[in-house]
Amino acid sequence: MTTTEMSDKIAKGNGFIAALDQSGGSTPKALKGYGIEEGAWGSDEEMFGLIHDMRSRIITAPSFGSGKVIGAILFERTMDGTVDGKPTPQALIDQGVVPFIKIDKGLEDEADGVQLMKSMPELDALLTKAKGLGVFGTKERSVINLANAEGIAAVVAQQFDVARQVLAHGMVPIIEPEVNIKSPERAAADRILLTEILKNLDAVPEGQKVMLKLSLPVEAGLFQPLVDHPKVLRVVALSGGFSRHDACVELGRNPGMIASFSRALLSDLRAQQSDEEFDRTLGIAIDEIYSASVA
C-alpha cells in the first residue's frame, strides 16, 4: 500500500484498529492475561520476546487478515521485530493492515487532575526510523482523571505539540487524551475535552489531518463535531476498561467512531490454546468489534 492508499483505508475503510502496543510496565499484565505467569521469564529481553510471540501469533492468525482489521498500533520493540521473516510493519501492510507506532514514554505524576506525557527527547530519531519501515502514523496517550479545565487544556496543548512534530515527518498522529471511565467527573471532562480539541484543531495547517483516539463519551454522539471535522482523518474509540460487550454497546451509540481496542480485543486469548482455537477465539472478538464499528 502507498501512503495515499493507507490514508484512504483509514479514512474510509470499514473495520477497526487493533491496539497491540502494551509496553514496559503493562507487559507483565498483558502476558498474565494471555496465560503466562510472571515467573516464566528471567529477564526483560525474555519478557519482550514472549509478548512479541503473542503479537506475531495474532498478526499471522487467518482471522486477523480477514479485512476487518484496517490498522494496528505497535510497540517500538514489536515494530523493530519480524513476523514470518518480514519486518513487522511490512507483514501488516502485506495483509492490508495499516501500521502505527506508540511513541509516548509513559505518564507524569498526576497534577491538576491529569497526567501529561513524559518528555520524548529521542522522538525525531524514532519517527525517522518508523517512517523508513513504512509506518503510517503514531499514537501518544495522556490521561484525564478530573474535569479540571487548566489540566485538560495542558493535556490537549501537549498532544497537539507532539502531533505537529509527527506531521513534520510526513506521518499521521493519533492524539489520545484518555478520559478515565472511572472518573467521578467524566461527563464534564468529556465536554471540556471537546472544547479544547476543537480549539486546537483550528491551528492545524490546511491540508494536514490528525486522528483522535478518545474514551467513549457519557453523552452519546458528543464527539460528532470531531467526526465531521475537515482536519480529522478518523475518530477511534478506546475500550478504557469496559468489557468487550459493553465497549461495543457504547461504540454503537456513537456513529462515525470506530474501535481501537486492546484488552477488549485480546481478553479471551491464551497461550495454551491450539492454533485453531486461538484463531476461532480471536475471530469471535474481531467479528463483534467490527460489527460495532461499522453499524
Protein backbone atom coordinates (compact mmCIF):
# COMPACT_ATOMS: atom_id res chain seq x y z
CA MET A 1 0.00 0.00 0.00
CA THR A 2 1.15 3.51 -0.78
CA THR A 3 0.78 6.29 1.79
CA THR A 4 -2.23 7.58 -0.12
CA GLU A 5 -3.82 4.12 -0.13
CA MET A 6 -3.20 3.79 3.60
CA SER A 7 -4.74 7.20 4.23
CA ASP A 8 -7.83 6.28 2.20
CA LYS A 9 -8.17 2.97 4.05
CA ILE A 10 -8.03 4.63 7.47
CA ALA A 11 -10.36 7.46 6.45
CA LYS A 12 -12.99 5.39 4.66
CA GLY A 13 -12.37 1.72 5.40
CA ASN A 14 -14.91 -0.50 7.12
CA GLY A 15 -13.27 -2.04 10.15
CA PHE A 16 -11.28 -1.10 13.22
CA ILE A 17 -7.75 -0.54 14.50
CA ALA A 18 -6.19 -3.17 16.77
CA ALA A 19 -4.11 -1.82 19.66
CA LEU A 20 -1.13 -4.19 20.08
CA ASP A 21 1.04 -1.68 21.93
CA GLN A 22 1.28 -2.78 25.57
CA SER A 23 4.75 -1.79 26.75
CA GLY A 24 7.02 -1.56 29.78
CA GLY A 25 5.06 -1.92 32.99
CA SER A 26 1.90 -3.13 31.25
CA THR A 27 3.64 -6.09 29.57
CA PRO A 28 3.55 -8.48 32.59
CA LYS A 29 -0.17 -7.78 32.99
CA ALA A 30 -0.76 -8.45 29.29
CA LEU A 31 1.19 -11.72 29.50
CA LYS A 32 -0.70 -12.80 32.60
CA GLY A 33 -3.98 -12.21 30.77
CA TYR A 34 -2.56 -14.39 27.99
CA GLY A 35 -1.92 -17.20 30.46
CA ILE A 36 1.82 -16.67 31.08
CA GLU A 37 2.62 -16.00 34.73
CA GLU A 38 5.32 -13.58 35.87
CA GLY A 39 7.86 -16.29 36.80
CA ALA A 40 8.01 -17.55 33.21
CA TRP A 41 10.84 -15.22 32.15
CA GLY A 42 14.22 -14.39 33.62
CA SER A 43 14.92 -11.02 32.01
CA ASP A 44 13.24 -8.12 30.24
CA GLU A 45 14.51 -9.49 26.92
CA GLU A 46 12.77 -12.80 27.55
CA MET A 47 9.60 -10.97 28.64
CA PHE A 48 9.52 -8.86 25.50
CA GLY A 49 10.25 -11.97 23.45
CA LEU A 50 7.15 -13.63 24.88
CA ILE A 51 4.94 -10.62 24.15
CA HIS A 52 6.35 -10.46 20.61
CA ASP A 53 5.50 -14.13 20.13
CA MET A 54 1.94 -13.35 21.22
CA ARG A 55 1.65 -10.47 18.80
CA SER A 56 3.15 -12.50 15.97
CA ARG A 57 0.56 -15.19 16.61
CA ILE A 58 -2.20 -12.59 16.44
CA ILE A 59 -0.90 -10.96 13.26
CA THR A 60 -0.47 -14.29 11.44
CA ALA A 61 -3.85 -15.68 12.51
CA PRO A 62 -6.18 -16.04 9.49
CA SER A 63 -8.94 -14.05 11.21
CA PHE A 64 -6.64 -11.06 11.72
CA GLY A 65 -6.05 -10.79 7.96
CA SER A 66 -9.75 -11.14 7.15
CA GLY A 67 -10.07 -7.46 6.10
CA LYS A 68 -11.95 -6.41 9.23
CA VAL A 69 -8.82 -5.03 10.91
CA ILE A 70 -7.75 -1.95 8.94
CA GLY A 71 -4.92 -0.78 11.19
CA ALA A 72 -2.71 -1.90 14.08
CA ILE A 73 -0.80 0.10 16.70
CA LEU A 74 2.59 -1.39 17.59
CA PHE A 75 5.03 -1.05 20.47
CA GLU A 76 8.52 0.06 19.32
CA ARG A 77 10.08 -3.35 20.02
CA THR A 78 7.32 -5.01 18.01
CA MET A 79 7.99 -2.63 15.12
CA ASP A 80 11.70 -3.48 15.29
CA GLY A 81 11.00 -7.23 15.24
CA THR A 82 9.95 -9.59 12.48
CA VAL A 83 6.87 -11.65 11.70
CA ASP A 84 7.28 -14.60 9.34
CA GLY A 85 10.72 -13.29 8.43
CA LYS A 86 9.48 -9.82 7.47
CA PRO A 87 9.76 -6.54 9.41
CA THR A 88 6.54 -6.33 11.41
CA PRO A 89 5.20 -3.20 9.63
CA GLN A 90 5.70 -4.91 6.25
CA ALA A 91 3.97 -8.07 7.48
CA LEU A 92 0.96 -5.93 8.39
CA ILE A 93 1.00 -4.00 5.11
CA ASP A 94 1.09 -7.27 3.17
CA GLN A 95 -2.19 -8.19 4.91
CA GLY A 96 -3.77 -4.83 4.10
CA VAL A 97 -3.36 -3.58 7.69
CA VAL A 98 -2.04 -0.03 8.16
CA PRO A 99 0.78 0.14 10.77
CA PHE A 100 1.01 2.76 13.55
CA ILE A 101 3.50 3.04 16.41
CA LYS A 102 3.06 4.07 20.04
CA ILE A 103 5.56 6.86 20.69
CA ASP A 104 4.88 8.09 24.23
CA LYS A 105 7.22 7.02 27.02
CA GLY A 106 4.64 6.86 29.78
CA LEU A 107 2.95 9.38 32.04
CA GLU A 108 4.00 12.02 34.53
CA ASP A 109 2.52 12.00 38.03
CA GLU A 110 -0.96 13.48 38.28
CA ALA A 111 -1.26 17.26 38.55
CA ASP A 112 -4.37 19.40 38.01
CA GLY A 113 -6.40 16.22 37.61
CA VAL A 114 -4.42 14.96 34.60
CA GLN A 115 -1.30 13.03 33.67
CA LEU A 116 0.82 14.58 30.95
CA MET A 117 3.19 12.58 28.78
CA LYS A 118 6.80 12.27 29.82
CA SER A 119 9.27 14.11 27.60
CA MET A 120 10.38 12.39 24.40
CA PRO A 121 13.89 13.72 23.60
CA GLU A 122 14.56 10.97 21.04
CA LEU A 123 11.26 11.32 19.19
CA ASP A 124 12.70 12.64 15.92
CA ALA A 125 15.02 9.63 15.64
CA LEU A 126 12.14 7.24 16.36
CA LEU A 127 9.91 8.90 13.78
CA THR A 128 12.67 8.73 11.15
CA LYS A 129 13.17 5.02 11.83
CA ALA A 130 9.44 4.28 11.81
CA LYS A 131 8.86 6.18 8.58
CA GLY A 132 11.68 4.21 6.98
CA LEU A 133 9.96 0.96 7.93
CA GLY A 134 6.73 2.04 6.24
CA VAL A 135 4.82 3.02 9.39
CA PHE A 136 1.91 5.33 8.55
CA GLY A 137 1.22 7.04 11.85
CA THR A 138 1.77 7.30 15.58
CA LYS A 139 -0.17 7.18 18.84
CA GLU A 140 0.52 9.09 22.05
CA ARG A 141 -1.51 8.79 25.28
CA SER A 142 -2.29 11.16 28.15
CA VAL A 143 -4.85 10.61 30.92
CA ILE A 144 -7.59 12.88 32.26
CA ASN A 145 -8.90 11.94 35.71
CA LEU A 146 -10.90 15.06 36.66
CA ALA A 147 -12.81 17.87 34.92
CA ASN A 148 -10.05 20.39 35.59
CA ALA A 149 -10.12 22.96 32.77
CA GLU A 150 -6.48 24.00 33.17
CA GLY A 151 -5.28 20.42 33.33
CA ILE A 152 -7.26 19.33 30.27
CA ALA A 153 -6.06 22.37 28.31
CA ALA A 154 -2.47 21.42 29.16
CA VAL A 155 -3.02 17.81 28.05
CA VAL A 156 -4.50 18.84 24.71
CA ALA A 157 -1.85 21.51 24.08
CA GLN A 158 0.93 18.98 24.71
CA GLN A 159 -0.78 16.42 22.46
CA PHE A 160 -1.02 18.87 19.58
CA ASP A 161 2.61 19.96 20.05
CA VAL A 162 3.69 16.35 19.60
CA ALA A 163 1.25 15.95 16.70
CA ARG A 164 2.92 18.82 14.83
CA GLN A 165 6.28 17.10 15.26
CA VAL A 166 4.79 13.89 13.82
CA LEU A 167 3.18 15.73 10.90
CA ALA A 168 6.55 17.29 10.07
CA HIS A 169 7.86 13.75 9.43
CA GLY A 170 5.06 13.04 6.96
CA MET A 171 3.17 10.77 9.37
CA VAL A 172 -0.33 10.95 10.84
CA PRO A 173 -0.62 11.31 14.63
CA ILE A 174 -3.30 9.64 16.71
CA ILE A 175 -3.95 12.06 19.57
CA GLU A 176 -5.12 10.14 22.66
CA PRO A 177 -6.21 12.21 25.67
CA GLU A 178 -7.94 9.38 27.53
CA VAL A 179 -10.71 10.30 29.97
CA ASN A 180 -10.65 7.78 32.80
CA ILE A 181 -14.02 5.99 32.64
CA LYS A 182 -13.94 5.68 36.45
CA SER A 183 -13.70 9.45 36.91
CA PRO A 184 -16.48 10.93 39.08
CA GLU A 185 -16.41 13.93 36.72
CA ARG A 186 -16.33 12.01 33.46
CA ALA A 187 -19.22 13.76 31.67
CA ALA A 188 -17.88 17.23 32.47
CA ALA A 189 -14.37 16.18 31.45
CA ASP A 190 -15.73 14.95 28.08
CA ARG A 191 -17.25 18.36 27.37
CA ILE A 192 -14.13 20.33 28.35
CA LEU A 193 -12.03 17.99 26.23
CA LEU A 194 -14.25 18.52 23.19
CA THR A 195 -13.92 22.31 23.51
CA GLU A 196 -10.12 22.14 23.82
CA ILE A 197 -9.70 19.77 20.88
CA LEU A 198 -11.84 21.94 18.61
CA LYS A 199 -9.79 24.98 19.62
CA ASN A 200 -6.51 23.24 18.79
CA LEU A 201 -7.77 21.78 15.53
CA ASP A 202 -8.18 25.31 14.22
CA ALA A 203 -4.39 25.70 14.39
CA VAL A 204 -3.64 22.57 12.32
CA PRO A 205 -2.30 23.77 8.94
CA GLU A 206 -4.59 23.46 5.96
CA GLY A 207 -4.07 20.22 4.08
CA GLN A 208 -2.94 18.30 7.16
CA LYS A 209 -5.02 15.92 9.26
CA VAL A 210 -4.79 14.25 12.63
CA MET A 211 -6.61 11.32 14.17
CA LEU A 212 -8.22 11.21 17.60
CA LYS A 213 -8.44 8.25 20.00
CA LEU A 214 -10.97 9.05 22.69
CA SER A 215 -12.77 7.37 25.56
CA LEU A 216 -16.37 6.56 24.74
CA PRO A 217 -18.33 9.61 25.98
CA VAL A 218 -21.05 9.61 28.60
CA GLU A 219 -23.30 11.58 26.25
CA ALA A 220 -23.89 9.59 23.07
CA GLY A 221 -22.82 11.46 19.95
CA LEU A 222 -20.92 14.14 21.86
CA PHE A 223 -17.89 13.86 19.61
CA GLN A 224 -19.81 14.14 16.32
CA PRO A 225 -18.24 17.60 15.64
CA LEU A 226 -14.86 15.85 15.68
CA VAL A 227 -16.05 13.01 13.44
CA ASP A 228 -17.22 15.63 10.92
CA HIS A 229 -14.22 17.96 11.24
CA PRO A 230 -12.27 18.51 7.98
CA LYS A 231 -8.91 18.27 9.78
CA VAL A 232 -9.68 14.91 11.39
CA LEU A 233 -8.91 11.78 9.37
CA ARG A 234 -10.79 9.44 11.76
CA VAL A 235 -12.02 9.29 15.34
CA VAL A 236 -11.38 5.98 17.07
CA ALA A 237 -12.51 4.80 20.49
CA LEU A 238 -10.54 3.07 23.23
CA SER A 239 -12.22 0.46 25.39
CA GLY A 240 -10.82 2.02 28.57
CA GLY A 241 -11.64 -0.86 30.90
CA PHE A 242 -15.10 -1.67 29.54
CA SER A 243 -15.71 -5.34 28.76
CA ARG A 244 -15.82 -6.09 25.05
CA HIS A 245 -19.62 -6.36 25.12
CA ASP A 246 -20.07 -3.08 26.96
CA ALA A 247 -17.48 -1.28 24.83
CA CYS A 248 -19.23 -2.43 21.65
CA VAL A 249 -22.63 -1.31 23.00
CA GLU A 250 -21.20 2.12 23.85
CA LEU A 251 -19.47 2.35 20.47
CA GLY A 252 -22.76 1.63 18.74
CA ARG A 253 -24.22 4.74 20.40
CA ASN A 254 -21.59 6.92 18.68
CA PRO A 255 -21.96 6.73 14.88
CA GLY A 256 -18.84 7.61 12.93
CA MET A 257 -16.41 6.40 15.59
CA ILE A 258 -14.62 3.07 15.11
CA ALA A 259 -12.88 0.89 17.66
CA SER A 260 -9.22 0.86 18.60
CA PHE A 261 -9.43 -1.75 21.34
CA SER A 262 -6.68 -3.61 23.19
CA ARG A 263 -7.91 -5.54 26.22
CA ALA A 264 -11.40 -5.85 24.77
CA LEU A 265 -9.87 -7.48 21.67
CA LEU A 266 -7.34 -9.78 23.35
CA SER A 267 -9.02 -10.71 26.64
CA ASP A 268 -10.01 -14.28 25.69
CA LEU A 269 -6.73 -15.32 24.02
CA ARG A 270 -4.47 -17.81 25.83
CA ALA A 271 -1.01 -19.17 25.10
CA GLN A 272 -2.30 -22.68 25.84
CA GLN A 273 -4.91 -22.60 23.06
CA SER A 274 -4.32 -24.62 19.92
CA ASP A 275 -3.82 -22.53 16.78
CA GLU A 276 -7.33 -23.44 15.65
CA GLU A 277 -8.89 -22.48 18.98
CA PHE A 278 -6.79 -19.31 19.15
CA ASP A 279 -7.91 -18.18 15.69
CA ARG A 280 -11.55 -19.03 16.40
CA THR A 281 -11.46 -17.05 19.67
CA LEU A 282 -9.75 -14.09 18.02
CA GLY A 283 -12.23 -14.25 15.15
CA ILE A 284 -15.20 -14.02 17.51
CA ALA A 285 -13.73 -10.87 19.08
CA ILE A 286 -12.88 -9.36 15.70
CA ASP A 287 -16.39 -10.00 14.36
CA GLU A 288 -18.04 -8.38 17.39
CA ILE A 289 -15.81 -5.30 17.33
CA TYR A 290 -16.10 -4.99 13.54
CA SER A 291 -19.89 -5.10 13.72
CA ALA A 292 -19.95 -2.34 16.35
CA SER A 293 -17.53 -0.24 14.29
CA VAL A 294 -19.49 -0.39 11.05
CA ALA A 295 -23.02 -0.36 12.47
